[in-house]
N, C-alpha and C. Protein backbone atom coordinates (compact mmCIF):
# COMPACT_ATOMS: atom_id res chain seq x y z
N MET A 1 97.60 118.60 72.48
CA MET A 1 96.58 119.36 73.19
C MET A 1 97.20 120.06 74.39
N LYS A 2 96.57 121.13 74.78
CA LYS A 2 97.03 121.90 75.93
C LYS A 2 96.28 121.43 77.18
N LEU A 3 96.96 121.48 78.31
CA LEU A 3 96.36 121.12 79.58
C LEU A 3 95.02 121.83 79.75
N LYS A 4 94.05 121.08 80.24
CA LYS A 4 92.75 121.67 80.54
C LYS A 4 92.38 121.34 81.98
N TYR A 5 91.82 122.35 82.65
CA TYR A 5 91.23 122.08 83.95
C TYR A 5 90.05 123.01 84.15
N ARG A 6 89.12 122.56 84.93
CA ARG A 6 87.93 123.36 85.24
C ARG A 6 87.63 123.20 86.72
N VAL A 7 87.24 124.32 87.35
CA VAL A 7 86.88 124.33 88.76
C VAL A 7 85.37 124.41 88.88
N ASP A 8 84.81 123.59 89.76
CA ASP A 8 83.38 123.60 90.07
C ASP A 8 83.26 123.66 91.58
N GLY A 9 83.10 124.87 92.11
CA GLY A 9 83.04 125.04 93.56
C GLY A 9 84.37 124.66 94.18
N GLU A 10 84.38 123.58 94.96
CA GLU A 10 85.60 123.13 95.62
C GLU A 10 86.17 121.87 94.98
N LYS A 11 85.75 121.61 93.74
CA LYS A 11 86.30 120.47 93.00
C LYS A 11 87.00 120.99 91.75
N VAL A 12 88.04 120.26 91.33
CA VAL A 12 88.71 120.59 90.09
C VAL A 12 88.85 119.32 89.25
N PHE A 13 88.60 119.47 87.95
CA PHE A 13 88.86 118.41 86.99
C PHE A 13 90.11 118.81 86.23
N ILE A 14 91.06 117.87 86.14
CA ILE A 14 92.31 118.12 85.40
C ILE A 14 92.44 117.04 84.33
N ARG A 15 92.67 117.48 83.09
CA ARG A 15 92.99 116.53 82.03
C ARG A 15 94.44 116.73 81.64
N MET A 16 95.21 115.66 81.70
CA MET A 16 96.61 115.70 81.30
C MET A 16 96.75 114.96 79.98
N ASP A 17 97.67 115.43 79.15
CA ASP A 17 97.82 114.85 77.82
C ASP A 17 99.13 114.08 77.67
N ASP A 18 99.17 113.26 76.63
CA ASP A 18 100.30 112.39 76.33
C ASP A 18 101.63 113.13 76.39
N GLY A 19 102.56 112.54 77.13
CA GLY A 19 103.92 113.08 77.21
C GLY A 19 104.15 114.08 78.33
N GLU A 20 103.09 114.54 78.98
CA GLU A 20 103.26 115.50 80.07
C GLU A 20 103.83 114.81 81.32
N ASP A 21 104.63 115.53 82.07
CA ASP A 21 105.11 115.06 83.35
C ASP A 21 103.94 115.14 84.33
N PHE A 22 103.57 114.00 84.90
CA PHE A 22 102.39 113.93 85.76
C PHE A 22 102.44 114.93 86.91
N TYR A 23 103.52 114.90 87.69
CA TYR A 23 103.59 115.77 88.86
C TYR A 23 103.80 117.24 88.48
N GLU A 24 104.57 117.51 87.46
CA GLU A 24 104.76 118.89 87.02
C GLU A 24 103.42 119.52 86.64
N THR A 25 102.62 118.76 85.92
CA THR A 25 101.30 119.25 85.51
C THR A 25 100.37 119.43 86.71
N LEU A 26 100.33 118.43 87.58
CA LEU A 26 99.48 118.50 88.77
C LEU A 26 99.86 119.70 89.63
N TYR A 27 101.15 119.87 89.91
CA TYR A 27 101.58 120.98 90.76
C TYR A 27 101.36 122.33 90.07
N GLY A 28 101.46 122.36 88.76
CA GLY A 28 101.17 123.60 88.02
C GLY A 28 99.74 124.07 88.26
N VAL A 29 98.79 123.12 88.20
CA VAL A 29 97.38 123.46 88.44
C VAL A 29 97.18 123.87 89.89
N LEU A 30 97.69 123.07 90.83
CA LEU A 30 97.51 123.38 92.26
C LEU A 30 98.09 124.74 92.61
N ASN A 31 99.26 125.07 92.08
CA ASN A 31 99.87 126.38 92.34
C ASN A 31 99.05 127.50 91.73
N GLU A 32 98.55 127.29 90.52
CA GLU A 32 97.73 128.32 89.88
C GLU A 32 96.46 128.59 90.67
N LEU A 33 95.88 127.53 91.24
CA LEU A 33 94.66 127.68 92.03
C LEU A 33 94.95 128.12 93.47
N GLY A 34 96.19 127.96 93.93
CA GLY A 34 96.54 128.29 95.31
C GLY A 34 96.05 127.24 96.30
N TRP A 35 95.83 126.01 95.84
CA TRP A 35 95.34 124.93 96.70
C TRP A 35 96.52 124.19 97.34
N LYS A 36 96.48 124.05 98.67
CA LYS A 36 97.51 123.30 99.38
C LYS A 36 96.95 122.18 100.24
N SER A 37 95.62 122.01 100.24
CA SER A 37 94.98 120.93 100.99
C SER A 37 93.86 120.35 100.14
N GLY A 38 93.87 119.04 100.00
CA GLY A 38 92.82 118.43 99.19
C GLY A 38 92.81 116.92 99.29
N ILE A 39 91.77 116.36 98.67
CA ILE A 39 91.58 114.91 98.62
C ILE A 39 91.50 114.52 97.16
N VAL A 40 92.32 113.58 96.75
CA VAL A 40 92.25 113.08 95.38
C VAL A 40 91.05 112.12 95.32
N LEU A 41 90.04 112.52 94.56
CA LEU A 41 88.83 111.70 94.47
C LEU A 41 89.06 110.50 93.57
N ASN A 42 89.63 110.73 92.38
CA ASN A 42 89.98 109.62 91.49
C ASN A 42 90.78 110.13 90.31
N ALA A 43 91.36 109.20 89.60
CA ALA A 43 92.05 109.49 88.35
C ALA A 43 92.10 108.20 87.55
N ILE A 44 91.93 108.33 86.24
CA ILE A 44 92.06 107.21 85.33
C ILE A 44 92.86 107.67 84.13
N GLY A 45 93.33 106.73 83.36
CA GLY A 45 94.12 107.04 82.18
C GLY A 45 95.26 106.07 82.07
N MET A 46 96.42 106.55 81.61
CA MET A 46 97.59 105.70 81.48
C MET A 46 98.84 106.45 81.88
N LEU A 47 99.81 105.70 82.44
CA LEU A 47 101.11 106.25 82.78
C LEU A 47 102.20 105.37 82.17
N LYS A 48 103.33 105.98 81.87
CA LYS A 48 104.51 105.25 81.43
C LYS A 48 105.71 105.87 82.13
N ASP A 49 106.85 105.22 82.02
CA ASP A 49 108.07 105.74 82.64
C ASP A 49 107.79 106.22 84.07
N PHE A 50 107.22 105.32 84.86
CA PHE A 50 106.85 105.69 86.23
C PHE A 50 107.72 104.95 87.24
N GLU A 51 107.77 105.56 88.43
CA GLU A 51 108.50 104.96 89.54
C GLU A 51 107.54 104.82 90.71
N ILE A 52 107.44 103.59 91.21
CA ILE A 52 106.59 103.33 92.37
C ILE A 52 107.46 102.74 93.47
N GLY A 53 106.96 102.80 94.70
CA GLY A 53 107.75 102.30 95.80
C GLY A 53 106.93 101.74 96.93
N TRP A 54 107.63 101.02 97.77
CA TRP A 54 107.09 100.41 98.97
C TRP A 54 108.02 100.79 100.11
N PHE A 55 107.44 101.28 101.22
CA PHE A 55 108.27 101.73 102.35
C PHE A 55 108.66 100.54 103.21
N ASN A 56 109.94 100.24 103.25
CA ASN A 56 110.48 99.16 104.06
C ASN A 56 110.71 99.71 105.46
N THR A 57 109.87 99.32 106.40
CA THR A 57 109.97 99.86 107.76
C THR A 57 111.21 99.38 108.50
N GLN A 58 111.74 98.22 108.13
CA GLN A 58 112.96 97.73 108.80
C GLN A 58 114.18 98.54 108.39
N LYS A 59 114.20 99.01 107.13
CA LYS A 59 115.32 99.80 106.64
C LYS A 59 115.04 101.31 106.72
N SER A 60 113.79 101.66 107.00
CA SER A 60 113.35 103.07 107.04
C SER A 60 113.63 103.79 105.72
N GLU A 61 113.33 103.10 104.61
CA GLU A 61 113.52 103.71 103.30
C GLU A 61 112.61 103.04 102.28
N TYR A 62 112.36 103.76 101.18
CA TYR A 62 111.55 103.22 100.10
C TYR A 62 112.37 102.28 99.23
N GLU A 63 111.77 101.18 98.85
CA GLU A 63 112.30 100.31 97.82
C GLU A 63 111.54 100.69 96.55
N LYS A 64 112.25 101.18 95.54
CA LYS A 64 111.61 101.73 94.35
C LYS A 64 111.81 100.83 93.14
N GLU A 65 110.84 100.91 92.23
CA GLU A 65 110.92 100.20 90.96
C GLU A 65 110.53 101.16 89.85
N TYR A 66 111.33 101.19 88.79
CA TYR A 66 111.05 102.00 87.61
C TYR A 66 110.46 101.09 86.53
N ILE A 67 109.35 101.51 85.94
CA ILE A 67 108.69 100.73 84.90
C ILE A 67 108.47 101.64 83.70
N SER A 68 108.98 101.25 82.55
CA SER A 68 108.85 102.09 81.35
C SER A 68 107.62 101.74 80.52
N VAL A 69 107.15 100.51 80.59
CA VAL A 69 106.02 100.05 79.78
C VAL A 69 104.73 100.78 80.20
N PRO A 70 103.94 101.28 79.25
CA PRO A 70 102.68 101.94 79.60
C PRO A 70 101.75 101.00 80.38
N HIS A 71 101.11 101.55 81.40
CA HIS A 71 100.15 100.83 82.24
C HIS A 71 98.88 101.66 82.37
N GLU A 72 97.75 100.96 82.46
CA GLU A 72 96.47 101.61 82.75
C GLU A 72 96.46 102.05 84.21
N LEU A 73 96.04 103.27 84.45
CA LEU A 73 95.90 103.80 85.80
C LEU A 73 94.54 103.33 86.32
N VAL A 74 94.56 102.29 87.14
CA VAL A 74 93.34 101.65 87.61
C VAL A 74 92.75 102.38 88.81
N SER A 75 93.62 102.83 89.71
CA SER A 75 93.15 103.46 90.93
C SER A 75 94.21 104.42 91.47
N VAL A 76 93.73 105.51 92.06
CA VAL A 76 94.61 106.47 92.74
C VAL A 76 93.94 106.84 94.06
N GLN A 77 94.71 106.81 95.12
CA GLN A 77 94.27 107.26 96.44
C GLN A 77 95.27 108.29 96.92
N GLY A 78 94.82 109.33 97.58
CA GLY A 78 95.80 110.25 98.11
C GLY A 78 95.24 111.55 98.63
N ASN A 79 96.18 112.40 99.03
CA ASN A 79 95.80 113.70 99.55
C ASN A 79 96.83 114.74 99.11
N ILE A 80 96.41 115.99 99.23
CA ILE A 80 97.26 117.14 98.93
C ILE A 80 97.49 117.87 100.24
N SER A 81 98.73 118.22 100.52
CA SER A 81 99.05 118.95 101.75
C SER A 81 100.15 119.96 101.46
N ASP A 82 100.38 120.82 102.43
CA ASP A 82 101.45 121.81 102.35
C ASP A 82 102.73 121.18 102.87
N LYS A 83 103.77 121.23 102.05
CA LYS A 83 105.08 120.72 102.47
C LYS A 83 106.09 121.81 102.18
N ASP A 84 106.54 122.46 103.24
CA ASP A 84 107.52 123.54 103.13
C ASP A 84 107.03 124.67 102.23
N GLY A 85 105.74 124.99 102.36
CA GLY A 85 105.16 126.12 101.61
C GLY A 85 104.68 125.80 100.21
N GLU A 86 104.82 124.55 99.78
CA GLU A 86 104.40 124.14 98.44
C GLU A 86 103.39 123.01 98.53
N PRO A 87 102.50 122.89 97.53
CA PRO A 87 101.59 121.74 97.55
C PRO A 87 102.37 120.44 97.36
N PHE A 88 101.95 119.41 98.08
CA PHE A 88 102.58 118.09 98.00
C PHE A 88 101.49 117.05 97.86
N ALA A 89 101.58 116.22 96.83
CA ALA A 89 100.61 115.15 96.61
C ALA A 89 101.20 113.83 97.09
N HIS A 90 100.54 113.21 98.07
CA HIS A 90 100.93 111.88 98.55
C HIS A 90 99.96 110.91 97.90
N LEU A 91 100.45 110.19 96.88
CA LEU A 91 99.58 109.34 96.07
C LEU A 91 100.04 107.89 96.07
N HIS A 92 99.06 107.00 96.19
CA HIS A 92 99.28 105.57 96.00
C HIS A 92 98.47 105.16 94.78
N VAL A 93 99.05 104.30 93.95
CA VAL A 93 98.41 103.92 92.69
C VAL A 93 98.36 102.41 92.52
N SER A 94 97.39 101.99 91.73
CA SER A 94 97.32 100.64 91.19
C SER A 94 97.35 100.79 89.68
N LEU A 95 98.24 100.03 89.02
CA LEU A 95 98.41 100.14 87.57
C LEU A 95 98.41 98.75 86.95
N ALA A 96 97.76 98.60 85.80
CA ALA A 96 97.69 97.31 85.11
C ALA A 96 98.46 97.40 83.80
N GLY A 97 99.39 96.44 83.62
CA GLY A 97 100.20 96.39 82.41
C GLY A 97 99.57 95.51 81.33
N PRO A 98 100.34 95.20 80.32
CA PRO A 98 99.82 94.40 79.19
C PRO A 98 99.20 93.07 79.61
N SER A 99 99.72 92.44 80.67
CA SER A 99 99.16 91.17 81.12
C SER A 99 97.92 91.39 82.00
N ARG A 100 97.62 92.64 82.29
CA ARG A 100 96.53 93.07 83.16
C ARG A 100 96.77 92.71 84.62
N SER A 101 97.99 92.33 84.96
CA SER A 101 98.37 92.13 86.35
C SER A 101 98.61 93.50 86.98
N ILE A 102 98.24 93.64 88.24
CA ILE A 102 98.34 94.92 88.95
C ILE A 102 99.68 95.05 89.65
N VAL A 103 100.27 96.25 89.51
CA VAL A 103 101.41 96.66 90.32
C VAL A 103 100.96 97.92 91.05
N GLY A 104 101.56 98.18 92.18
CA GLY A 104 101.12 99.37 92.89
C GLY A 104 102.08 99.80 93.97
N GLY A 105 101.78 100.95 94.52
CA GLY A 105 102.58 101.51 95.60
C GLY A 105 102.55 103.02 95.57
N HIS A 106 103.49 103.61 96.27
CA HIS A 106 103.63 105.07 96.31
C HIS A 106 104.16 105.54 94.96
N LEU A 107 103.51 106.55 94.37
CA LEU A 107 103.94 107.06 93.06
C LEU A 107 104.94 108.19 93.26
N PHE A 108 106.16 107.98 92.74
CA PHE A 108 107.21 108.98 92.85
C PHE A 108 107.30 109.88 91.62
N LYS A 109 107.16 109.29 90.43
CA LYS A 109 107.20 110.08 89.21
C LYS A 109 106.53 109.29 88.11
N ALA A 110 106.09 110.03 87.07
CA ALA A 110 105.41 109.37 85.95
C ALA A 110 105.27 110.34 84.79
N THR A 111 105.14 109.74 83.61
CA THR A 111 104.82 110.48 82.39
C THR A 111 103.45 110.02 81.93
N VAL A 112 102.62 110.95 81.52
CA VAL A 112 101.28 110.61 81.03
C VAL A 112 101.41 109.90 79.69
N CYS A 113 100.65 108.82 79.53
CA CYS A 113 100.55 108.10 78.27
C CYS A 113 99.09 108.22 77.82
N ASN A 114 98.86 108.76 76.68
CA ASN A 114 97.52 109.05 76.15
C ASN A 114 96.85 110.18 76.93
N THR A 115 96.33 109.86 78.12
CA THR A 115 95.64 110.89 78.91
C THR A 115 95.56 110.46 80.36
N VAL A 116 95.35 111.42 81.24
CA VAL A 116 94.94 111.19 82.62
C VAL A 116 93.79 112.15 82.89
N GLU A 117 92.73 111.63 83.48
CA GLU A 117 91.56 112.42 83.86
C GLU A 117 91.44 112.33 85.37
N MET A 118 91.55 113.48 86.04
CA MET A 118 91.69 113.49 87.50
C MET A 118 90.71 114.47 88.14
N PHE A 119 90.17 114.09 89.29
CA PHE A 119 89.28 114.95 90.06
C PHE A 119 89.83 115.10 91.48
N ILE A 120 89.89 116.34 91.96
CA ILE A 120 90.39 116.65 93.30
C ILE A 120 89.37 117.52 94.02
N LEU A 121 89.14 117.24 95.28
CA LEU A 121 88.27 118.03 96.14
C LEU A 121 89.13 118.88 97.06
N LYS A 122 88.94 120.18 97.03
CA LYS A 122 89.67 121.07 97.92
C LYS A 122 89.22 120.82 99.35
N SER A 123 90.16 120.82 100.29
CA SER A 123 89.83 120.65 101.70
C SER A 123 89.97 121.98 102.41
N ASN A 124 89.03 122.25 103.32
CA ASN A 124 89.13 123.44 104.15
C ASN A 124 89.98 123.21 105.39
N LEU A 125 90.46 121.97 105.55
CA LEU A 125 91.40 121.68 106.63
C LEU A 125 92.77 122.19 106.20
N ASN A 126 93.58 122.61 107.15
CA ASN A 126 94.94 123.04 106.85
C ASN A 126 95.86 121.82 107.02
N LEU A 127 96.01 121.04 105.94
CA LEU A 127 96.84 119.85 105.97
C LEU A 127 98.28 120.22 105.66
N PHE A 128 99.22 119.67 106.44
CA PHE A 128 100.63 119.97 106.19
C PHE A 128 101.50 118.82 106.65
N ARG A 129 102.71 118.76 106.09
CA ARG A 129 103.68 117.72 106.41
C ARG A 129 104.67 118.25 107.45
N VAL A 130 104.86 117.48 108.52
CA VAL A 130 105.80 117.87 109.57
C VAL A 130 107.07 117.04 109.45
N LYS A 131 108.12 117.54 110.05
CA LYS A 131 109.39 116.79 110.06
C LYS A 131 109.22 115.55 110.92
N GLY A 132 109.75 114.44 110.43
CA GLY A 132 109.69 113.19 111.17
C GLY A 132 111.05 112.51 111.14
N GLU A 133 111.17 111.42 111.86
CA GLU A 133 112.44 110.71 111.90
C GLU A 133 112.75 109.99 110.60
N THR A 134 111.74 109.31 110.02
CA THR A 134 111.98 108.55 108.80
C THR A 134 111.15 109.03 107.60
N PHE A 135 110.09 109.81 107.87
CA PHE A 135 109.26 110.36 106.80
C PHE A 135 108.56 111.59 107.32
N ARG A 136 107.78 112.25 106.45
CA ARG A 136 107.10 113.49 106.82
C ARG A 136 105.61 113.21 107.04
N PRO A 137 105.18 112.92 108.30
CA PRO A 137 103.78 112.59 108.56
C PRO A 137 102.85 113.79 108.33
N LEU A 138 101.61 113.45 108.02
CA LEU A 138 100.55 114.44 107.80
C LEU A 138 100.04 114.95 109.13
N ASP A 139 99.79 116.27 109.20
CA ASP A 139 99.20 116.88 110.39
C ASP A 139 98.14 117.86 109.92
N VAL A 140 97.36 118.35 110.86
CA VAL A 140 96.27 119.27 110.53
C VAL A 140 96.11 120.28 111.66
N VAL A 141 95.75 121.50 111.25
CA VAL A 141 95.45 122.55 112.24
C VAL A 141 93.96 122.76 112.25
């Protein structure tokens, strides 16, 4: 199937299909719409071959884990902002594997397994990422 999305006022529904690169697809839609600020309302579906992380404040770096086994996408929280002129999605996820135990953290990359159904609300705030010492904090004009 081909990517589908529909806009309803300031909301967009995005359906991603099996095998698609999650972020490539998401950024493709955001760029086509010209959206650089938003709130991820929710997303469900499945991901595989994903990388999640936890920010270790003592080391000032992410500790990452790669998981190849398909997991149910239980929850997504996040926002869309402008980072160096491009849309940037800062997403945290909860995912359940075959044992139904939850893993979670910052989502770095993923491949869609079966489908992902996602809703985003466009924000009229000018959200953007500024340079920081250890990460790029969110700011607003």
